[in-house]
Amino acid sequence: MSKKEVILVTGVAGFIASHVSEKLLQSGHTILGVDEINDYYDVSYKEKNLSILNHYPNFSFLKLDIRDTEAVLNLAEDYTITKIAHIAARAGVRPSISDPMLYQEVNVRGTLNLLELARIAKVQNFVLTSSSSVYGNSTQIPFKEDDSATDKPISPYAATKKASEVLGHTYSSLYGLQITVVRPFTVYGPRGRPDMAPWLFLKAALCGNAISKFGDGSTRRDYTYIDDFVSGFIGALNYINNESKFNIFNLGNSATVSLNEAIETIEKVTDKKIKINQLPMQPGDVNLTNADISKAKEAFGYDPKTSFSEGMGEFFNWWKKEFFS
């Protein structure tokens, strides 16, 4: 009996991976999704994401912890894995400071297990999801993929993401694997993570809660709408470069929004005033993220089109339907 040919997507119940999977499923690909369904945030959100994906006949799901080496490697015995979209991770800068060991176990060891699987399965492409946090407080603006500042991360989370990139380079060099690293820049939108600022700010505006505002509001972020990011991620998944097997791409919007501007935008979108609890800057937080996306644009036509105000408008419309309909 021949094995089913699949694209493996890790962290499939999460925000980004569920959107990537849905787009691939709509294009006719067969997806094997894996996720441990941890309680980093309310698991009901993850279960809703899975319920959406389960409507597609070309989707199958396995509850699996990527730290489980045997379980990960056994996937090669049961499936023909053509590509791996590795999106699973312990996320968040501040929680990584309080529990760095957990972040190392999931983000580094888990990635190493999947790289071993990629080697065994001889996959066509392994897309490794890193983070814009690897740039730390780089002074090279906008951030370019070859910036040496990535050697100096300022949080355990960022350090684990950089370590994963280095492991990817090692496996590409040793075994000739096509390894494509993508560095997301603050992805937001429908089904977004409830611990991230866009969600928290929307909820605060609509429910009358106060937000925690860290610093004077001058910090800036490169916010990337989920649909734009997904198009870039799939471009990276389809990208093959036989001359250079290891490649890194920024997937951002290339425009920055200050914290103060973000709050003002959400107040305008919702027509509500946000209550603010003023706090000092937090350890590990970076002052600015700003992606140079020219490399991804040249390689596979990455072209984000959604402004922050447009994206938050779409997010707001989803939020109203999801929680107030």
C-alpha atoms as a PDB file:
ATOM      1  CA  MET A   1       0.000   0.000   0.000  1.00  0.00           C
ATOM      2  CA  SER A   2       1.487   3.342  -1.051  1.00  0.00           C
ATOM      3  CA  LYS A   3       1.884   6.058   1.542  1.00  0.00           C
ATOM      4  CA  LYS A   4      -0.166   9.249   1.323  1.00  0.00           C
ATOM      5  CA  GLU A   5       1.773  12.211  -0.113  1.00  0.00           C
ATOM      6  CA  VAL A   6       1.394  15.238   2.154  1.00  0.00           C
ATOM      7  CA  ILE A   7       2.713  18.646   3.123  1.00  0.00           C
ATOM      8  CA  LEU A   8       3.420  18.584   6.855  1.00  0.00           C
ATOM      9  CA  VAL A   9       2.325  21.700   8.753  1.00  0.00           C
ATOM     10  CA  THR A  10       3.394  22.027  12.390  1.00  0.00           C
ATOM     11  CA  GLY A  11       1.486  24.130  14.919  1.00  0.00           C
ATOM     12  CA  VAL A  12      -1.512  23.716  12.636  1.00  0.00           C
ATOM     13  CA  ALA A  13      -4.104  24.740  15.237  1.00  0.00           C
ATOM     14  CA  GLY A  14      -2.442  28.110  15.743  1.00  0.00           C
ATOM     15  CA  PHE A  15      -3.164  31.450  14.134  1.00  0.00           C
ATOM     16  CA  ILE A  16      -0.615  31.541  11.309  1.00  0.00           C
ATOM     17  CA  ALA A  17      -0.440  27.815  10.572  1.00  0.00           C
ATOM     18  CA  SER A  18      -4.213  27.426  10.331  1.00  0.00           C
ATOM     19  CA  HIS A  19      -4.368  30.220   7.751  1.00  0.00           C
ATOM     20  CA  VAL A  20      -1.433  28.794   5.763  1.00  0.00           C
ATOM     21  CA  SER A  21      -3.060  25.354   5.838  1.00  0.00           C
ATOM     22  CA  GLU A  22      -6.445  26.663   4.750  1.00  0.00           C
ATOM     23  CA  LYS A  23      -4.912  28.414   1.737  1.00  0.00           C
ATOM     24  CA  LEU A  24      -2.980  25.280   0.753  1.00  0.00           C
ATOM     25  CA  LEU A  25      -6.080  23.115   1.160  1.00  0.00           C
ATOM     26  CA  GLN A  26      -8.089  25.484  -1.037  1.00  0.00           C
ATOM     27  CA  SER A  27      -5.383  25.079  -3.686  1.00  0.00           C
ATOM     28  CA  GLY A  28      -5.851  21.300  -3.644  1.00  0.00           C
ATOM     29  CA  HIS A  29      -2.855  20.262  -1.543  1.00  0.00           C
ATOM     30  CA  THR A  30      -3.106  17.421   0.962  1.00  0.00           C
ATOM     31  CA  ILE A  31      -2.122  18.567   4.439  1.00  0.00           C
ATOM     32  CA  LEU A  32      -1.045  16.598   7.485  1.00  0.00           C
ATOM     33  CA  GLY A  33      -1.293  18.976  10.432  1.00  0.00           C
ATOM     34  CA  VAL A  34       0.324  18.343  13.806  1.00  0.00           C
ATOM     35  CA  ASP A  35      -0.055  20.271  17.052  1.00  0.00           C
ATOM     36  CA  GLU A  36       0.205  19.522  20.762  1.00  0.00           C
ATOM     37  CA  ILE A  37      -2.684  21.957  21.527  1.00  0.00           C
ATOM     38  CA  ASN A  38      -0.936  23.539  24.517  1.00  0.00           C
ATOM     39  CA  ASP A  39      -2.593  26.045  26.837  1.00  0.00           C
ATOM     40  CA  TYR A  40      -0.343  29.042  26.113  1.00  0.00           C
ATOM     41  CA  TYR A  41      -3.680  30.701  25.358  1.00  0.00           C
ATOM     42  CA  ASP A  42      -7.282  29.471  25.476  1.00  0.00           C
ATOM     43  CA  VAL A  43      -7.389  26.152  23.612  1.00  0.00           C
ATOM     44  CA  SER A  44     -10.932  26.866  22.413  1.00  0.00           C
ATOM     45  CA  TYR A  45      -9.448  29.232  19.811  1.00  0.00           C
ATOM     46  CA  LYS A  46      -7.226  26.436  18.531  1.00  0.00           C
ATOM     47  CA  GLU A  47     -10.124  24.002  18.475  1.00  0.00           C
ATOM     48  CA  LYS A  48     -12.114  26.470  16.349  1.00  0.00           C
ATOM     49  CA  ASN A  49      -9.211  26.707  13.913  1.00  0.00           C
ATOM     50  CA  LEU A  50      -9.099  22.921  13.646  1.00  0.00           C
ATOM     51  CA  SER A  51     -12.854  22.740  13.100  1.00  0.00           C
ATOM     52  CA  ILE A  52     -12.445  25.010  10.062  1.00  0.00           C
ATOM     53  CA  LEU A  53      -9.668  22.838   8.620  1.00  0.00           C
ATOM     54  CA  ASN A  54     -11.545  19.606   9.321  1.00  0.00           C
ATOM     55  CA  HIS A  55     -14.166  20.608   6.753  1.00  0.00           C
ATOM     56  CA  TYR A  56     -11.607  19.918   4.021  1.00  0.00           C
ATOM     57  CA  PRO A  57     -11.403  16.255   2.921  1.00  0.00           C
ATOM     58  CA  ASN A  58      -7.701  16.698   2.069  1.00  0.00           C
ATOM     59  CA  PHE A  59      -6.803  17.569   5.684  1.00  0.00           C
ATOM     60  CA  SER A  60      -5.789  15.186   8.438  1.00  0.00           C
ATOM     61  CA  PHE A  61      -4.655  15.947  11.980  1.00  0.00           C
ATOM     62  CA  LEU A  62      -2.392  14.273  14.521  1.00  0.00           C
ATOM     63  CA  LYS A  63      -2.009  15.487  18.087  1.00  0.00           C
ATOM     64  CA  LEU A  64       1.759  15.429  18.457  1.00  0.00           C
ATOM     65  CA  ASP A  65       4.421  17.187  20.522  1.00  0.00           C
ATOM     66  CA  ILE A  66       7.387  18.097  18.314  1.00  0.00           C
ATOM     67  CA  ARG A  67       9.687  17.441  21.293  1.00  0.00           C
ATOM     68  CA  ASP A  68       8.804  13.737  20.967  1.00  0.00           C
ATOM     69  CA  THR A  69      11.629  12.552  18.717  1.00  0.00           C
ATOM     70  CA  GLU A  70      10.222   9.077  18.098  1.00  0.00           C
ATOM     71  CA  ALA A  71       6.755  10.349  17.214  1.00  0.00           C
ATOM     72  CA  VAL A  72       8.176  12.944  14.824  1.00  0.00           C
ATOM     73  CA  LEU A  73      10.504  10.530  13.033  1.00  0.00           C
ATOM     74  CA  ASN A  74       7.767   7.903  12.744  1.00  0.00           C
ATOM     75  CA  LEU A  75       5.884  10.261  10.443  1.00  0.00           C
ATOM     76  CA  ALA A  76       8.308   9.301   7.680  1.00  0.00           C
ATOM     77  CA  GLU A  77       7.170   5.675   7.971  1.00  0.00           C
ATOM     78  CA  ASP A  78       3.489   6.489   7.562  1.00  0.00           C
ATOM     79  CA  TYR A  79       3.549   9.338   5.030  1.00  0.00           C
ATOM     80  CA  THR A  80       5.447  10.576   1.998  1.00  0.00           C
ATOM     81  CA  ILE A  81       6.262  14.093   3.170  1.00  0.00           C
ATOM     82  CA  THR A  82       7.060  16.354   0.233  1.00  0.00           C
ATOM     83  CA  LYS A  83       7.481  19.630   2.123  1.00  0.00           C
ATOM     84  CA  ILE A  84       7.492  20.793   5.731  1.00  0.00           C
ATOM     85  CA  ALA A  85       5.957  24.070   6.864  1.00  0.00           C
ATOM     86  CA  HIS A  86       7.400  24.363  10.368  1.00  0.00           C
ATOM     87  CA  ILE A  87       5.368  26.995  12.218  1.00  0.00           C
ATOM     88  CA  ALA A  88       5.023  25.416  15.675  1.00  0.00           C
ATOM     89  CA  ALA A  89       6.815  27.296  18.454  1.00  0.00           C
ATOM     90  CA  ARG A  90       6.564  28.654  21.937  1.00  0.00           C
ATOM     91  CA  ALA A  91       5.881  32.315  21.199  1.00  0.00           C
ATOM     92  CA  GLY A  92       6.288  35.510  23.181  1.00  0.00           C
ATOM     93  CA  VAL A  93       9.294  37.502  24.349  1.00  0.00           C
ATOM     94  CA  ARG A  94       8.248  38.148  27.948  1.00  0.00           C
ATOM     95  CA  PRO A  95       7.186  34.566  28.833  1.00  0.00           C
ATOM     96  CA  SER A  96      10.511  33.299  27.476  1.00  0.00           C
ATOM     97  CA  ILE A  97      12.354  35.327  30.108  1.00  0.00           C
ATOM     98  CA  SER A  98      10.479  33.581  32.916  1.00  0.00           C
ATOM     99  CA  ASP A  99      10.752  30.079  31.419  1.00  0.00           C
ATOM    100  CA  PRO A 100      13.727  29.896  29.028  1.00  0.00           C
ATOM    101  CA  MET A 101      14.116  26.119  29.380  1.00  0.00           C
ATOM    102  CA  LEU A 102      10.681  25.469  27.896  1.00  0.00           C
ATOM    103  CA  TYR A 103      11.475  27.739  24.960  1.00  0.00           C
ATOM    104  CA  GLN A 104      14.720  25.927  24.312  1.00  0.00           C
ATOM    105  CA  GLU A 105      12.987  22.527  24.419  1.00  0.00           C
ATOM    106  CA  VAL A 106      10.204  23.424  21.996  1.00  0.00           C
ATOM    107  CA  ASN A 107      11.872  25.888  19.657  1.00  0.00           C
ATOM    108  CA  VAL A 108      15.336  24.348  19.393  1.00  0.00           C
ATOM    109  CA  ARG A 109      14.955  20.663  20.171  1.00  0.00           C
ATOM    110  CA  GLY A 110      11.598  20.529  18.403  1.00  0.00           C
ATOM    111  CA  THR A 111      13.098  22.116  15.301  1.00  0.00           C
ATOM    112  CA  LEU A 112      16.030  19.699  15.398  1.00  0.00           C
ATOM    113  CA  ASN A 113      13.597  16.755  15.459  1.00  0.00           C
ATOM    114  CA  LEU A 114      11.843  18.127  12.383  1.00  0.00           C
ATOM    115  CA  LEU A 115      15.118  18.716  10.569  1.00  0.00           C
ATOM    116  CA  GLU A 116      15.965  15.071  11.215  1.00  0.00           C
ATOM    117  CA  LEU A 117      12.594  14.130   9.758  1.00  0.00           C
ATOM    118  CA  ALA A 118      13.311  16.311   6.720  1.00  0.00           C
ATOM    119  CA  ARG A 119      16.649  14.569   6.236  1.00  0.00           C
ATOM    120  CA  ILE A 120      15.092  11.108   6.449  1.00  0.00           C
ATOM    121  CA  ALA A 121      12.143  12.006   4.239  1.00  0.00           C
ATOM    122  CA  LYS A 122      14.328  13.924   1.735  1.00  0.00           C
ATOM    123  CA  VAL A 123      11.774  16.725   1.516  1.00  0.00           C
ATOM    124  CA  GLN A 124      11.739  19.186  -1.386  1.00  0.00           C
ATOM    125  CA  ASN A 125      11.681  22.225   0.891  1.00  0.00           C
ATOM    126  CA  PHE A 126      11.643  22.892   4.639  1.00  0.00           C
ATOM    127  CA  VAL A 127      10.236  26.292   5.551  1.00  0.00           C
ATOM    128  CA  LEU A 128      11.450  27.272   9.016  1.00  0.00           C
ATOM    129  CA  THR A 129       9.474  30.039  10.696  1.00  0.00           C
ATOM    130  CA  SER A 130      11.798  32.337  12.633  1.00  0.00           C
ATOM    131  CA  SER A 131      10.950  35.803  13.971  1.00  0.00           C
ATOM    132  CA  SER A 132      11.717  39.482  13.470  1.00  0.00           C
ATOM    133  CA  SER A 133      12.833  39.457  17.114  1.00  0.00           C
ATOM    134  CA  VAL A 134      16.174  37.975  16.026  1.00  0.00           C
ATOM    135  CA  TYR A 135      17.196  41.482  14.916  1.00  0.00           C
ATOM    136  CA  GLY A 136      17.152  42.759  18.505  1.00  0.00           C
ATOM    137  CA  ASN A 137      17.782  46.488  18.612  1.00  0.00           C
ATOM    138  CA  SER A 138      19.515  46.624  15.243  1.00  0.00           C
ATOM    139  CA  THR A 139      20.519  50.075  14.054  1.00  0.00           C
ATOM    140  CA  GLN A 140      20.421  49.021  10.384  1.00  0.00           C
ATOM    141  CA  ILE A 141      17.007  50.265   9.249  1.00  0.00           C
ATOM    142  CA  PRO A 142      15.177  48.643   7.538  1.00  0.00           C
ATOM    143  CA  PHE A 143      16.286  45.193   8.698  1.00  0.00           C
ATOM    144  CA  LYS A 144      18.102  43.160   6.059  1.00  0.00           C
ATOM    145  CA  GLU A 145      18.430  39.400   6.199  1.00  0.00           C
ATOM    146  CA  ASP A 146      22.255  39.492   6.404  1.00  0.00           C
ATOM    147  CA  ASP A 147      22.296  41.896   9.384  1.00  0.00           C
ATOM    148  CA  SER A 148      24.938  40.770  11.927  1.00  0.00           C
ATOM    149  CA  ALA A 149      22.706  42.094  14.738  1.00  0.00           C
ATOM    150  CA  THR A 150      20.940  38.720  14.622  1.00  0.00           C
ATOM    151  CA  ASP A 151      24.009  37.323  16.406  1.00  0.00           C
ATOM    152  CA  LYS A 152      23.047  39.412  19.458  1.00  0.00           C
ATOM    153  CA  PRO A 153      19.442  38.564  20.440  1.00  0.00           C
ATOM    154  CA  ILE A 154      18.051  40.223  23.556  1.00  0.00           C
ATOM    155  CA  SER A 155      15.513  37.630  24.737  1.00  0.00           C
ATOM    156  CA  PRO A 156      15.535  33.844  25.156  1.00  0.00           C
ATOM    157  CA  TYR A 157      12.730  33.629  22.582  1.00  0.00           C
ATOM    158  CA  ALA A 158      14.822  35.463  19.991  1.00  0.00           C
ATOM    159  CA  ALA A 159      17.863  33.355  20.887  1.00  0.00           C
ATOM    160  CA  THR A 160      15.938  30.122  20.282  1.00  0.00           C
ATOM    161  CA  LYS A 161      14.761  31.395  16.922  1.00  0.00           C
ATOM    162  CA  LYS A 162      18.297  32.308  15.903  1.00  0.00           C
ATOM    163  CA  ALA A 163      19.509  28.899  17.089  1.00  0.00           C
ATOM    164  CA  SER A 164      16.860  27.233  14.920  1.00  0.00           C
ATOM    165  CA  GLU A 165      18.078  29.183  11.897  1.00  0.00           C
ATOM    166  CA  VAL A 166      21.644  28.066  12.553  1.00  0.00           C
ATOM    167  CA  LEU A 167      20.517  24.437  12.811  1.00  0.00           C
ATOM    168  CA  GLY A 168      18.703  24.870   9.511  1.00  0.00           C
ATOM    169  CA  HIS A 169      21.879  26.128   7.873  1.00  0.00           C
ATOM    170  CA  THR A 170      23.789  23.159   9.274  1.00  0.00           C
ATOM    171  CA  TYR A 171      21.324  20.625   7.853  1.00  0.00           C
ATOM    172  CA  SER A 172      21.257  22.373   4.509  1.00  0.00           C
ATOM    173  CA  SER A 173      25.053  22.359   4.367  1.00  0.00           C
ATOM    174  CA  LEU A 174      25.483  18.751   5.518  1.00  0.00           C
ATOM    175  CA  TYR A 175      22.647  17.074   3.654  1.00  0.00           C
ATOM    176  CA  GLY A 176      21.836  19.374   0.742  1.00  0.00           C
ATOM    177  CA  LEU A 177      18.366  20.118   2.066  1.00  0.00           C
ATOM    178  CA  GLN A 178      16.455  23.096   0.712  1.00  0.00           C
ATOM    179  CA  ILE A 179      15.912  25.148   3.884  1.00  0.00           C
ATOM    180  CA  THR A 180      13.946  28.382   3.572  1.00  0.00           C
ATOM    181  CA  VAL A 181      13.774  30.600   6.660  1.00  0.00           C
ATOM    182  CA  VAL A 182      11.008  33.177   6.941  1.00  0.00           C
ATOM    183  CA  ARG A 183      11.076  35.965   9.520  1.00  0.00           C
ATOM    184  CA  PRO A 184       7.520  37.210  10.266  1.00  0.00           C
ATOM    185  CA  PHE A 185       6.948  40.779  11.423  1.00  0.00           C
ATOM    186  CA  THR A 186       4.026  41.103  13.907  1.00  0.00           C
ATOM    187  CA  VAL A 187       1.375  39.187  11.991  1.00  0.00           C
ATOM    188  CA  TYR A 188      -2.240  40.072  12.888  1.00  0.00           C
ATOM    189  CA  GLY A 189      -5.781  39.624  11.617  1.00  0.00           C
ATOM    190  CA  PRO A 190      -8.814  37.317  11.903  1.00  0.00           C
ATOM    191  CA  ARG A 191      -8.247  34.316  14.215  1.00  0.00           C
ATOM    192  CA  GLY A 192      -5.216  36.191  15.582  1.00  0.00           C
ATOM    193  CA  ARG A 193      -3.400  35.330  18.785  1.00  0.00           C
ATOM    194  CA  PRO A 194      -5.289  36.687  21.817  1.00  0.00           C
ATOM    195  CA  ASP A 195      -2.042  37.565  23.616  1.00  0.00           C
ATOM    196  CA  MET A 196      -0.863  39.997  20.924  1.00  0.00           C
ATOM    197  CA  ALA A 197      -1.369  43.765  20.906  1.00  0.00           C
ATOM    198  CA  PRO A 198      -3.843  44.044  17.979  1.00  0.00           C
ATOM    199  CA  TRP A 199      -6.212  41.561  19.652  1.00  0.00           C
ATOM    200  CA  LEU A 200      -5.748  43.024  23.137  1.00  0.00           C
ATOM    201  CA  PHE A 201      -6.300  46.580  21.887  1.00  0.00           C
ATOM    202  CA  LEU A 202      -9.456  45.613  19.967  1.00  0.00           C
ATOM    203  CA  LYS A 203     -10.837  43.772  22.970  1.00  0.00           C
ATOM    204  CA  ALA A 204     -10.043  46.710  25.243  1.00  0.00           C
ATOM    205  CA  ALA A 205     -11.819  49.148  22.940  1.00  0.00           C
ATOM    206  CA  LEU A 206     -14.898  46.975  22.510  1.00  0.00           C
ATOM    207  CA  CYS A 207     -15.208  45.671  26.071  1.00  0.00           C
ATOM    208  CA  GLY A 208     -14.075  48.760  27.971  1.00  0.00           C
ATOM    209  CA  ASN A 209     -10.975  47.120  29.436  1.00  0.00           C
ATOM    210  CA  ALA A 210      -7.679  48.919  30.050  1.00  0.00           C
ATOM    211  CA  ILE A 211      -4.577  48.020  28.074  1.00  0.00           C
ATOM    212  CA  SER A 212      -1.039  47.914  29.449  1.00  0.00           C
ATOM    213  CA  LYS A 213       0.965  50.511  27.554  1.00  0.00           C
ATOM    214  CA  PHE A 214       4.702  49.907  27.930  1.00  0.00           C
ATOM    215  CA  GLY A 215       6.875  52.992  27.506  1.00  0.00           C
ATOM    216  CA  ASP A 216       5.956  56.350  26.008  1.00  0.00           C
ATOM    217  CA  GLY A 217       4.349  54.889  22.872  1.00  0.00           C
ATOM    218  CA  SER A 218       7.193  55.764  20.520  1.00  0.00           C
ATOM    219  CA  THR A 219       8.213  52.132  19.885  1.00  0.00           C
ATOM    220  CA  ARG A 220       7.395  51.109  16.334  1.00  0.00           C
ATOM    221  CA  ARG A 221       6.311  47.806  14.784  1.00  0.00           C
ATOM    222  CA  ASP A 222       6.073  46.515  11.248  1.00  0.00           C
ATOM    223  CA  TYR A 223       2.534  45.071  11.352  1.00  0.00           C
ATOM    224  CA  THR A 224       1.811  42.421   8.693  1.00  0.00           C
ATOM    225  CA  TYR A 225      -1.744  41.463   7.792  1.00  0.00           C
ATOM    226  CA  ILE A 226      -2.328  37.708   7.799  1.00  0.00           C
ATOM    227  CA  ASP A 227      -3.384  37.428   4.127  1.00  0.00           C
ATOM    228  CA  ASP A 228      -0.216  39.206   3.011  1.00  0.00           C
ATOM    229  CA  PHE A 229       1.940  36.979   5.198  1.00  0.00           C
ATOM    230  CA  VAL A 230       0.277  33.784   3.962  1.00  0.00           C
ATOM    231  CA  SER A 231       0.935  34.727   0.337  1.00  0.00           C
ATOM    232  CA  GLY A 232       4.595  35.249   1.220  1.00  0.00           C
ATOM    233  CA  PHE A 233       4.833  32.024   3.201  1.00  0.00           C
ATOM    234  CA  ILE A 234       3.407  29.965   0.341  1.00  0.00           C
ATOM    235  CA  GLY A 235       5.777  31.747  -2.028  1.00  0.00           C
ATOM    236  CA  ALA A 236       8.630  30.625   0.233  1.00  0.00           C
ATOM    237  CA  LEU A 237       7.231  27.083   0.393  1.00  0.00           C
ATOM    238  CA  ASN A 238       7.241  26.898  -3.413  1.00  0.00           C
ATOM    239  CA  TYR A 239      10.657  28.550  -3.728  1.00  0.00           C
ATOM    240  CA  ILE A 240      13.423  26.273  -4.970  1.00  0.00           C
ATOM    241  CA  ASN A 241      16.967  27.541  -5.491  1.00  0.00           C
ATOM    242  CA  ASN A 242      19.371  24.795  -6.528  1.00  0.00           C
ATOM    243  CA  GLU A 243      22.351  27.147  -6.445  1.00  0.00           C
ATOM    244  CA  SER A 244      21.736  28.283  -2.871  1.00  0.00           C
ATOM    245  CA  LYS A 245      19.982  25.676  -0.723  1.00  0.00           C
ATOM    246  CA  PHE A 246      19.713  27.871   2.394  1.00  0.00           C
ATOM    247  CA  ASN A 247      17.817  31.144   2.176  1.00  0.00           C
ATOM    248  CA  ILE A 248      16.338  33.674   4.616  1.00  0.00           C
ATOM    249  CA  PHE A 249      13.466  36.021   3.808  1.00  0.00           C
ATOM    250  CA  ASN A 250      11.801  38.835   5.740  1.00  0.00           C
ATOM    251  CA  LEU A 251       8.009  38.713   5.516  1.00  0.00           C
ATOM    252  CA  GLY A 252       6.825  42.081   6.789  1.00  0.00           C
ATOM    253  CA  ASN A 253       4.816  45.017   5.517  1.00  0.00           C
ATOM    254  CA  SER A 254       7.871  47.323   5.237  1.00  0.00           C
ATOM    255  CA  ALA A 255       5.987  50.194   6.934  1.00  0.00           C
ATOM    256  CA  THR A 256       6.166  50.954  10.657  1.00  0.00           C
ATOM    257  CA  VAL A 257       3.449  52.058  13.072  1.00  0.00           C
ATOM    258  CA  SER A 258       4.186  53.518  16.499  1.00  0.00           C
ATOM    259  CA  LEU A 259       2.406  52.216  19.574  1.00  0.00           C
ATOM    260  CA  ASN A 260       0.630  55.564  19.916  1.00  0.00           C
ATOM    261  CA  GLU A 261      -0.433  55.439  16.254  1.00  0.00           C
ATOM    262  CA  ALA A 262      -1.671  51.855  16.664  1.00  0.00           C
ATOM    263  CA  ILE A 263      -3.859  52.864  19.602  1.00  0.00           C
ATOM    264  CA  GLU A 264      -5.216  55.876  17.708  1.00  0.00           C
ATOM    265  CA  THR A 265      -5.952  53.730  14.635  1.00  0.00           C
ATOM    266  CA  ILE A 266      -7.899  51.160  16.657  1.00  0.00           C
ATOM    267  CA  GLU A 267      -9.835  53.904  18.427  1.00  0.00           C
ATOM    268  CA  LYS A 268     -10.768  55.295  15.005  1.00  0.00           C
ATOM    269  CA  VAL A 269     -11.711  51.884  13.568  1.00  0.00           C
ATOM    270  CA  THR A 270     -13.878  50.966  16.568  1.00  0.00           C
ATOM    271  CA  ASP A 271     -15.087  54.477  17.375  1.00  0.00           C
ATOM    272  CA  LYS A 272     -14.205  53.726  21.001  1.00  0.00           C
ATOM    273  CA  LYS A 273     -11.715  55.256  23.429  1.00  0.00           C
ATOM    274  CA  ILE A 274      -9.129  52.864  24.887  1.00  0.00           C
ATOM    275  CA  LYS A 275      -8.351  53.041  28.600  1.00  0.00           C
ATOM    276  CA  ILE A 276      -4.618  52.966  29.307  1.00  0.00           C
ATOM    277  CA  ASN A 277      -2.583  51.588  32.195  1.00  0.00           C
ATOM    278  CA  GLN A 278       0.821  53.250  31.768  1.00  0.00           C
ATOM    279  CA  LEU A 279       3.838  51.023  32.513  1.00  0.00           C
ATOM    280  CA  PRO A 280       7.601  51.220  31.907  1.00  0.00           C
ATOM    281  CA  MET A 281       9.324  49.480  29.002  1.00  0.00           C
ATOM    282  CA  GLN A 282       9.782  45.752  29.556  1.00  0.00           C
ATOM    283  CA  PRO A 283      13.068  43.801  29.414  1.00  0.00           C
ATOM    284  CA  GLY A 284      13.562  42.077  26.068  1.00  0.00           C
ATOM    285  CA  ASP A 285      11.250  44.406  24.125  1.00  0.00           C
ATOM    286  CA  VAL A 286      12.772  45.959  21.025  1.00  0.00           C
ATOM    287  CA  ASN A 287      12.385  49.613  20.056  1.00  0.00           C
ATOM    288  CA  LEU A 288      11.562  49.069  16.396  1.00  0.00           C
ATOM    289  CA  THR A 289      10.933  46.392  13.775  1.00  0.00           C
ATOM    290  CA  ASN A 290      11.074  47.280  10.089  1.00  0.00           C
ATOM    291  CA  ALA A 291      11.486  44.740   7.287  1.00  0.00           C
ATOM    292  CA  ASP A 292      13.415  45.175   4.097  1.00  0.00           C
ATOM    293  CA  ILE A 293      11.299  42.895   1.873  1.00  0.00           C
ATOM    294  CA  SER A 294      13.171  43.394  -1.403  1.00  0.00           C
ATOM    295  CA  LYS A 295      14.746  39.927  -1.289  1.00  0.00           C
ATOM    296  CA  ALA A 296      11.382  38.129  -0.968  1.00  0.00           C
ATOM    297  CA  LYS A 297       9.881  40.385  -3.614  1.00  0.00           C
ATOM    298  CA  GLU A 298      12.607  39.499  -6.096  1.00  0.00           C
ATOM    299  CA  ALA A 299      12.641  35.779  -5.263  1.00  0.00           C
ATOM    300  CA  PHE A 300       8.915  34.999  -5.361  1.00  0.00           C
ATOM    301  CA  GLY A 301       6.991  38.230  -5.909  1.00  0.00           C
ATOM    302  CA  TYR A 302       6.100  38.974  -2.295  1.00  0.00           C
ATOM    303  CA  ASP A 303       3.999  42.143  -2.376  1.00  0.00           C
ATOM    304  CA  PRO A 304       2.030  43.034   0.800  1.00  0.00           C
ATOM    305  CA  LYS A 305      -0.804  45.435   0.062  1.00  0.00           C
ATOM    306  CA  THR A 306      -2.736  45.860   3.320  1.00  0.00           C
ATOM    307  CA  SER A 307      -2.206  49.002   5.396  1.00  0.00           C
ATOM    308  CA  PHE A 308      -2.526  48.802   9.176  1.00  0.00           C
ATOM    309  CA  SER A 309      -5.784  50.744   9.159  1.00  0.00           C
ATOM    310  CA  GLU A 310      -7.259  48.484   6.447  1.00  0.00           C
ATOM    311  CA  GLY A 311      -6.083  45.348   8.225  1.00  0.00           C
ATOM    312  CA  MET A 312      -7.459  46.442  11.580  1.00  0.00           C
ATOM    313  CA  GLY A 313     -10.748  47.217   9.886  1.00  0.00           C
ATOM    314  CA  GLU A 314     -10.927  43.636   8.629  1.00  0.00           C
ATOM    315  CA  PHE A 315      -9.876  42.316  12.036  1.00  0.00           C
ATOM    316  CA  PHE A 316     -12.544  44.458  13.705  1.00  0.00           C
ATOM    317  CA  ASN A 317     -15.262  43.130  11.382  1.00  0.00           C
ATOM    318  CA  TRP A 318     -14.227  39.535  12.182  1.00  0.00           C
ATOM    319  CA  TRP A 319     -14.083  40.251  15.900  1.00  0.00           C
ATOM    320  CA  LYS A 320     -17.622  41.694  15.918  1.00  0.00           C
ATOM    321  CA  LYS A 321     -19.018  38.644  14.096  1.00  0.00           C
ATOM    322  CA  GLU A 322     -17.122  36.208  16.290  1.00  0.00           C
ATOM    323  CA  PHE A 323     -17.936  37.686  19.691  1.00  0.00           C
ATOM    324  CA  PHE A 324     -20.914  40.040  19.310  1.00  0.00           C
ATOM    325  CA  SER A 325     -23.144  38.400  16.704  1.00  0.00           C
END
